[in-house]
Amino acid sequence: MNDTVMVTGGAGFLGSHLCDRLVKDQRDVLCIDNLYTGSRNNIRHLLGSEYFEFQQHDVTLPLYVEVGQIYNLACPASPVHYQHDPVQTTKTSVHGAISGCCWV
């Protein structure tokens, strides 16, 4: 069984804090983020960790990886961002959740 934890939206505010905690607990973390509202600065301190891997990717597109757990936090979370492109926000939430079912 694969023990890697995937965090979509992992470079965002909430996702980066979850990645911090998981790495602190010595869990293997695959952080996925398209950096639309997330920031590489939020995860910069984790990039050298043996427990952390970052992949820039949009969850509305297929991604084929084997992981044991998924935390889907990919979604623009502020009104400024989700009102700017409500269709993309909906696609991120819906496609991200649907794809998440297929990633395991």
N, C-alpha and C. Protein backbone atom coordinates (compact mmCIF):
# COMPACT_ATOMS: atom_id res chain seq x y z
N MET A 1 0.84 -1.19 0.00
CA MET A 1 0.00 0.00 0.00
C MET A 1 0.89 1.25 0.00
N ASN A 2 0.50 2.25 -0.76
CA ASN A 2 1.23 3.50 -0.86
C ASN A 2 0.82 4.42 0.29
N ASP A 3 1.78 4.94 1.02
CA ASP A 3 1.49 5.81 2.16
C ASP A 3 1.61 7.29 1.83
N THR A 4 1.87 7.62 0.56
CA THR A 4 2.01 9.02 0.18
C THR A 4 0.67 9.74 0.31
N VAL A 5 0.73 10.95 0.83
CA VAL A 5 -0.45 11.80 0.97
C VAL A 5 -0.36 12.88 -0.10
N MET A 6 -1.40 13.01 -0.92
CA MET A 6 -1.44 14.07 -1.91
C MET A 6 -2.31 15.21 -1.39
N VAL A 7 -1.78 16.42 -1.48
CA VAL A 7 -2.53 17.61 -1.08
C VAL A 7 -2.68 18.47 -2.31
N THR A 8 -3.89 18.51 -2.87
CA THR A 8 -4.14 19.42 -3.99
C THR A 8 -4.43 20.80 -3.40
N GLY A 9 -3.92 21.82 -4.06
CA GLY A 9 -3.99 23.15 -3.48
C GLY A 9 -2.98 23.31 -2.36
N GLY A 10 -1.93 22.51 -2.42
CA GLY A 10 -0.95 22.46 -1.34
C GLY A 10 -0.09 23.69 -1.18
N ALA A 11 -0.08 24.58 -2.16
CA ALA A 11 0.70 25.81 -2.03
C ALA A 11 -0.17 26.98 -1.61
N GLY A 12 -1.43 26.71 -1.32
CA GLY A 12 -2.33 27.74 -0.83
C GLY A 12 -2.19 27.90 0.68
N PHE A 13 -2.98 28.78 1.26
CA PHE A 13 -2.87 29.06 2.69
C PHE A 13 -3.15 27.81 3.52
N LEU A 14 -4.31 27.22 3.34
CA LEU A 14 -4.65 26.02 4.13
C LEU A 14 -3.80 24.83 3.74
N GLY A 15 -3.65 24.62 2.44
CA GLY A 15 -2.89 23.47 1.96
C GLY A 15 -1.45 23.46 2.41
N SER A 16 -0.82 24.62 2.42
CA SER A 16 0.58 24.69 2.84
C SER A 16 0.73 24.37 4.32
N HIS A 17 -0.24 24.78 5.12
CA HIS A 17 -0.18 24.44 6.55
C HIS A 17 -0.40 22.95 6.76
N LEU A 18 -1.26 22.34 5.97
CA LEU A 18 -1.45 20.89 6.06
C LEU A 18 -0.16 20.18 5.64
N CYS A 19 0.46 20.64 4.56
CA CYS A 19 1.73 20.05 4.13
C CYS A 19 2.78 20.17 5.23
N ASP A 20 2.85 21.33 5.88
CA ASP A 20 3.78 21.51 7.00
C ASP A 20 3.58 20.44 8.06
N ARG A 21 2.34 20.25 8.44
CA ARG A 21 2.03 19.29 9.50
C ARG A 21 2.38 17.87 9.10
N LEU A 22 2.02 17.51 7.88
CA LEU A 22 2.30 16.15 7.40
C LEU A 22 3.80 15.88 7.31
N VAL A 23 4.55 16.84 6.81
CA VAL A 23 6.00 16.68 6.73
C VAL A 23 6.60 16.60 8.13
N LYS A 24 6.10 17.42 9.04
CA LYS A 24 6.56 17.39 10.43
C LYS A 24 6.34 15.99 11.03
N ASP A 25 5.24 15.35 10.63
CA ASP A 25 4.93 13.99 11.09
C ASP A 25 5.65 12.92 10.26
N GLN A 26 6.57 13.36 9.40
CA GLN A 26 7.38 12.49 8.55
C GLN A 26 6.52 11.63 7.60
N ARG A 27 5.48 12.25 7.07
CA ARG A 27 4.66 11.62 6.05
C ARG A 27 5.17 12.05 4.69
N ASP A 28 5.15 11.15 3.72
CA ASP A 28 5.51 11.50 2.35
C ASP A 28 4.37 12.30 1.75
N VAL A 29 4.67 13.49 1.26
CA VAL A 29 3.65 14.41 0.76
C VAL A 29 3.92 14.75 -0.70
N LEU A 30 2.89 14.62 -1.51
CA LEU A 30 2.91 15.10 -2.89
C LEU A 30 1.99 16.31 -2.94
N CYS A 31 2.58 17.47 -3.11
CA CYS A 31 1.84 18.74 -3.15
C CYS A 31 1.55 19.07 -4.61
N ILE A 32 0.27 19.26 -4.93
CA ILE A 32 -0.16 19.61 -6.28
C ILE A 32 -0.79 20.99 -6.23
N ASP A 33 -0.35 21.88 -7.09
CA ASP A 33 -0.93 23.22 -7.15
C ASP A 33 -0.60 23.84 -8.50
N ASN A 34 -1.55 24.57 -9.07
CA ASN A 34 -1.27 25.26 -10.33
C ASN A 34 -0.76 26.69 -10.10
N LEU A 35 -0.68 27.08 -8.84
CA LEU A 35 -0.19 28.40 -8.42
C LEU A 35 -1.06 29.55 -8.92
N TYR A 36 -2.35 29.26 -9.17
CA TYR A 36 -3.29 30.32 -9.58
C TYR A 36 -3.50 31.28 -8.40
N THR A 37 -3.80 30.73 -7.23
CA THR A 37 -3.91 31.57 -6.03
C THR A 37 -2.90 31.15 -4.96
N GLY A 38 -2.33 29.97 -5.09
CA GLY A 38 -1.28 29.53 -4.17
C GLY A 38 0.04 30.18 -4.53
N SER A 39 1.02 29.98 -3.68
CA SER A 39 2.31 30.61 -3.91
C SER A 39 3.44 29.65 -3.55
N ARG A 40 4.45 29.63 -4.39
CA ARG A 40 5.63 28.81 -4.11
C ARG A 40 6.28 29.25 -2.79
N ASN A 41 6.12 30.53 -2.44
CA ASN A 41 6.67 31.03 -1.18
C ASN A 41 6.08 30.31 0.03
N ASN A 42 4.84 29.85 -0.07
CA ASN A 42 4.19 29.15 1.04
C ASN A 42 4.81 27.79 1.32
N ILE A 43 5.48 27.22 0.33
CA ILE A 43 6.05 25.87 0.48
C ILE A 43 7.56 25.85 0.29
N ARG A 44 8.15 26.99 0.06
CA ARG A 44 9.59 27.08 -0.23
C ARG A 44 10.43 26.35 0.82
N HIS A 45 10.08 26.50 2.08
CA HIS A 45 10.84 25.87 3.16
C HIS A 45 10.73 24.35 3.16
N LEU A 46 9.76 23.80 2.45
CA LEU A 46 9.58 22.35 2.40
C LEU A 46 10.29 21.70 1.21
N LEU A 47 10.69 22.49 0.24
CA LEU A 47 11.22 21.96 -1.01
C LEU A 47 12.45 21.08 -0.84
N GLY A 48 13.23 21.29 0.18
CA GLY A 48 14.42 20.47 0.40
C GLY A 48 14.17 19.23 1.25
N SER A 49 12.96 19.07 1.74
CA SER A 49 12.66 17.94 2.62
C SER A 49 12.56 16.63 1.83
N GLU A 50 13.08 15.58 2.40
CA GLU A 50 12.97 14.26 1.77
C GLU A 50 11.54 13.75 1.77
N TYR A 51 10.67 14.36 2.57
CA TYR A 51 9.28 13.93 2.67
C TYR A 51 8.33 14.72 1.76
N PHE A 52 8.87 15.67 1.01
CA PHE A 52 8.02 16.59 0.27
C PHE A 52 8.38 16.64 -1.21
N GLU A 53 7.35 16.60 -2.04
CA GLU A 53 7.52 16.76 -3.48
C GLU A 53 6.44 17.72 -3.98
N PHE A 54 6.83 18.67 -4.81
CA PHE A 54 5.89 19.62 -5.39
C PHE A 54 5.76 19.36 -6.88
N GLN A 55 4.51 19.39 -7.36
CA GLN A 55 4.26 19.28 -8.79
C GLN A 55 3.27 20.37 -9.18
N GLN A 56 3.66 21.24 -10.10
CA GLN A 56 2.75 22.26 -10.59
C GLN A 56 1.82 21.61 -11.60
N HIS A 57 0.52 21.63 -11.28
CA HIS A 57 -0.46 20.95 -12.12
C HIS A 57 -1.85 21.51 -11.81
N ASP A 58 -2.69 21.57 -12.82
CA ASP A 58 -4.07 22.01 -12.68
C ASP A 58 -4.96 20.78 -12.50
N VAL A 59 -5.70 20.72 -11.40
CA VAL A 59 -6.50 19.53 -11.10
C VAL A 59 -7.70 19.34 -12.03
N THR A 60 -7.96 20.31 -12.90
CA THR A 60 -9.04 20.10 -13.88
C THR A 60 -8.55 19.21 -15.03
N LEU A 61 -7.25 18.92 -15.05
CA LEU A 61 -6.66 18.04 -16.06
C LEU A 61 -6.25 16.73 -15.41
N PRO A 62 -6.25 15.64 -16.16
CA PRO A 62 -5.89 14.34 -15.57
C PRO A 62 -4.46 14.32 -15.00
N LEU A 63 -4.32 13.57 -13.93
CA LEU A 63 -3.02 13.35 -13.31
C LEU A 63 -3.01 11.90 -12.82
N TYR A 64 -2.00 11.17 -13.22
CA TYR A 64 -1.94 9.75 -12.88
C TYR A 64 -0.81 9.50 -11.90
N VAL A 65 -1.15 9.37 -10.64
CA VAL A 65 -0.19 9.08 -9.58
C VAL A 65 -0.82 8.07 -8.62
N GLU A 66 0.02 7.35 -7.90
CA GLU A 66 -0.47 6.43 -6.89
C GLU A 66 -0.20 7.02 -5.52
N VAL A 67 -1.26 7.23 -4.77
CA VAL A 67 -1.16 7.77 -3.42
C VAL A 67 -2.12 7.01 -2.51
N GLY A 68 -1.88 7.12 -1.21
CA GLY A 68 -2.73 6.43 -0.24
C GLY A 68 -3.85 7.29 0.29
N GLN A 69 -3.64 8.61 0.32
CA GLN A 69 -4.65 9.55 0.81
C GLN A 69 -4.64 10.80 -0.05
N ILE A 70 -5.80 11.44 -0.12
CA ILE A 70 -5.92 12.70 -0.86
C ILE A 70 -6.67 13.72 -0.01
N TYR A 71 -6.10 14.90 0.08
CA TYR A 71 -6.79 16.05 0.65
C TYR A 71 -6.97 17.04 -0.49
N ASN A 72 -8.21 17.21 -0.94
CA ASN A 72 -8.49 18.08 -2.08
C ASN A 72 -8.83 19.48 -1.57
N LEU A 73 -7.83 20.34 -1.53
CA LEU A 73 -8.01 21.72 -1.09
C LEU A 73 -7.84 22.69 -2.26
N ALA A 74 -7.86 22.18 -3.47
CA ALA A 74 -7.67 23.02 -4.65
C ALA A 74 -8.95 23.76 -4.99
N CYS A 75 -8.95 25.04 -4.73
CA CYS A 75 -10.08 25.88 -5.10
C CYS A 75 -9.75 27.31 -4.70
N PRO A 76 -9.91 28.25 -5.62
CA PRO A 76 -9.71 29.65 -5.21
C PRO A 76 -10.65 29.98 -4.05
N ALA A 77 -10.10 30.44 -2.94
CA ALA A 77 -10.88 30.56 -1.72
C ALA A 77 -11.31 31.98 -1.39
N SER A 78 -10.89 32.96 -2.14
CA SER A 78 -11.29 34.32 -1.81
C SER A 78 -12.27 34.83 -2.87
N PRO A 79 -13.23 35.65 -2.46
CA PRO A 79 -14.20 36.20 -3.43
C PRO A 79 -13.54 36.88 -4.62
N VAL A 80 -12.45 37.58 -4.39
CA VAL A 80 -11.76 38.27 -5.49
C VAL A 80 -11.36 37.26 -6.56
N HIS A 81 -10.82 36.11 -6.14
CA HIS A 81 -10.34 35.11 -7.09
C HIS A 81 -11.47 34.30 -7.70
N TYR A 82 -12.42 33.83 -6.89
CA TYR A 82 -13.44 32.98 -7.50
C TYR A 82 -14.48 33.77 -8.27
N GLN A 83 -14.66 35.04 -7.99
CA GLN A 83 -15.56 35.84 -8.80
C GLN A 83 -14.92 36.26 -10.12
N HIS A 84 -13.61 36.28 -10.15
CA HIS A 84 -12.89 36.63 -11.38
C HIS A 84 -13.16 35.59 -12.47
N ASP A 85 -13.22 34.33 -12.11
CA ASP A 85 -13.46 33.26 -13.08
C ASP A 85 -14.29 32.16 -12.43
N PRO A 86 -15.60 32.39 -12.28
CA PRO A 86 -16.45 31.42 -11.58
C PRO A 86 -16.54 30.06 -12.27
N VAL A 87 -16.40 30.03 -13.58
CA VAL A 87 -16.45 28.75 -14.29
C VAL A 87 -15.23 27.90 -13.92
N GLN A 88 -14.05 28.51 -13.94
CA GLN A 88 -12.83 27.79 -13.56
C GLN A 88 -12.89 27.35 -12.10
N THR A 89 -13.45 28.18 -11.23
CA THR A 89 -13.59 27.82 -9.82
C THR A 89 -14.46 26.58 -9.68
N THR A 90 -15.58 26.55 -10.39
CA THR A 90 -16.47 25.39 -10.34
C THR A 90 -15.79 24.16 -10.90
N LYS A 91 -15.09 24.32 -12.03
CA LYS A 91 -14.36 23.19 -12.62
C LYS A 91 -13.31 22.65 -11.65
N THR A 92 -12.61 23.55 -10.97
CA THR A 92 -11.58 23.13 -10.03
C THR A 92 -12.19 22.30 -8.92
N SER A 93 -13.30 22.76 -8.36
CA SER A 93 -13.94 22.03 -7.27
C SER A 93 -14.50 20.69 -7.73
N VAL A 94 -15.24 20.70 -8.82
CA VAL A 94 -15.91 19.49 -9.29
C VAL A 94 -14.92 18.50 -9.91
N HIS A 95 -14.14 18.95 -10.86
CA HIS A 95 -13.19 18.05 -11.53
C HIS A 95 -12.13 17.55 -10.56
N GLY A 96 -11.70 18.43 -9.65
CA GLY A 96 -10.73 18.03 -8.65
C GLY A 96 -11.24 16.91 -7.77
N ALA A 97 -12.50 17.01 -7.37
CA ALA A 97 -13.10 15.96 -6.54
C ALA A 97 -13.29 14.67 -7.34
N ILE A 98 -13.76 14.78 -8.57
CA ILE A 98 -13.96 13.61 -9.41
C ILE A 98 -12.62 12.94 -9.71
N SER A 99 -11.64 13.72 -10.10
CA SER A 99 -10.32 13.16 -10.39
C SER A 99 -9.70 12.55 -9.16
N GLY A 100 -9.95 13.17 -8.01
CA GLY A 100 -9.41 12.64 -6.76
C GLY A 100 -9.87 11.22 -6.49
N CYS A 101 -11.08 10.90 -6.93
CA CYS A 101 -11.59 9.54 -6.76
C CYS A 101 -10.79 8.56 -7.61
N CYS A 102 -10.20 9.03 -8.67
CA CYS A 102 -9.48 8.17 -9.60
C CYS A 102 -7.99 8.11 -9.33
N TRP A 103 -7.46 8.99 -8.47
CA TRP A 103 -6.03 9.05 -8.22
C TRP A 103 -5.53 7.94 -7.32
N VAL A 104 -6.42 7.41 -6.49
CA VAL A 104 -5.98 6.41 -5.49
C VAL A 104 -5.65 5.11 -6.17
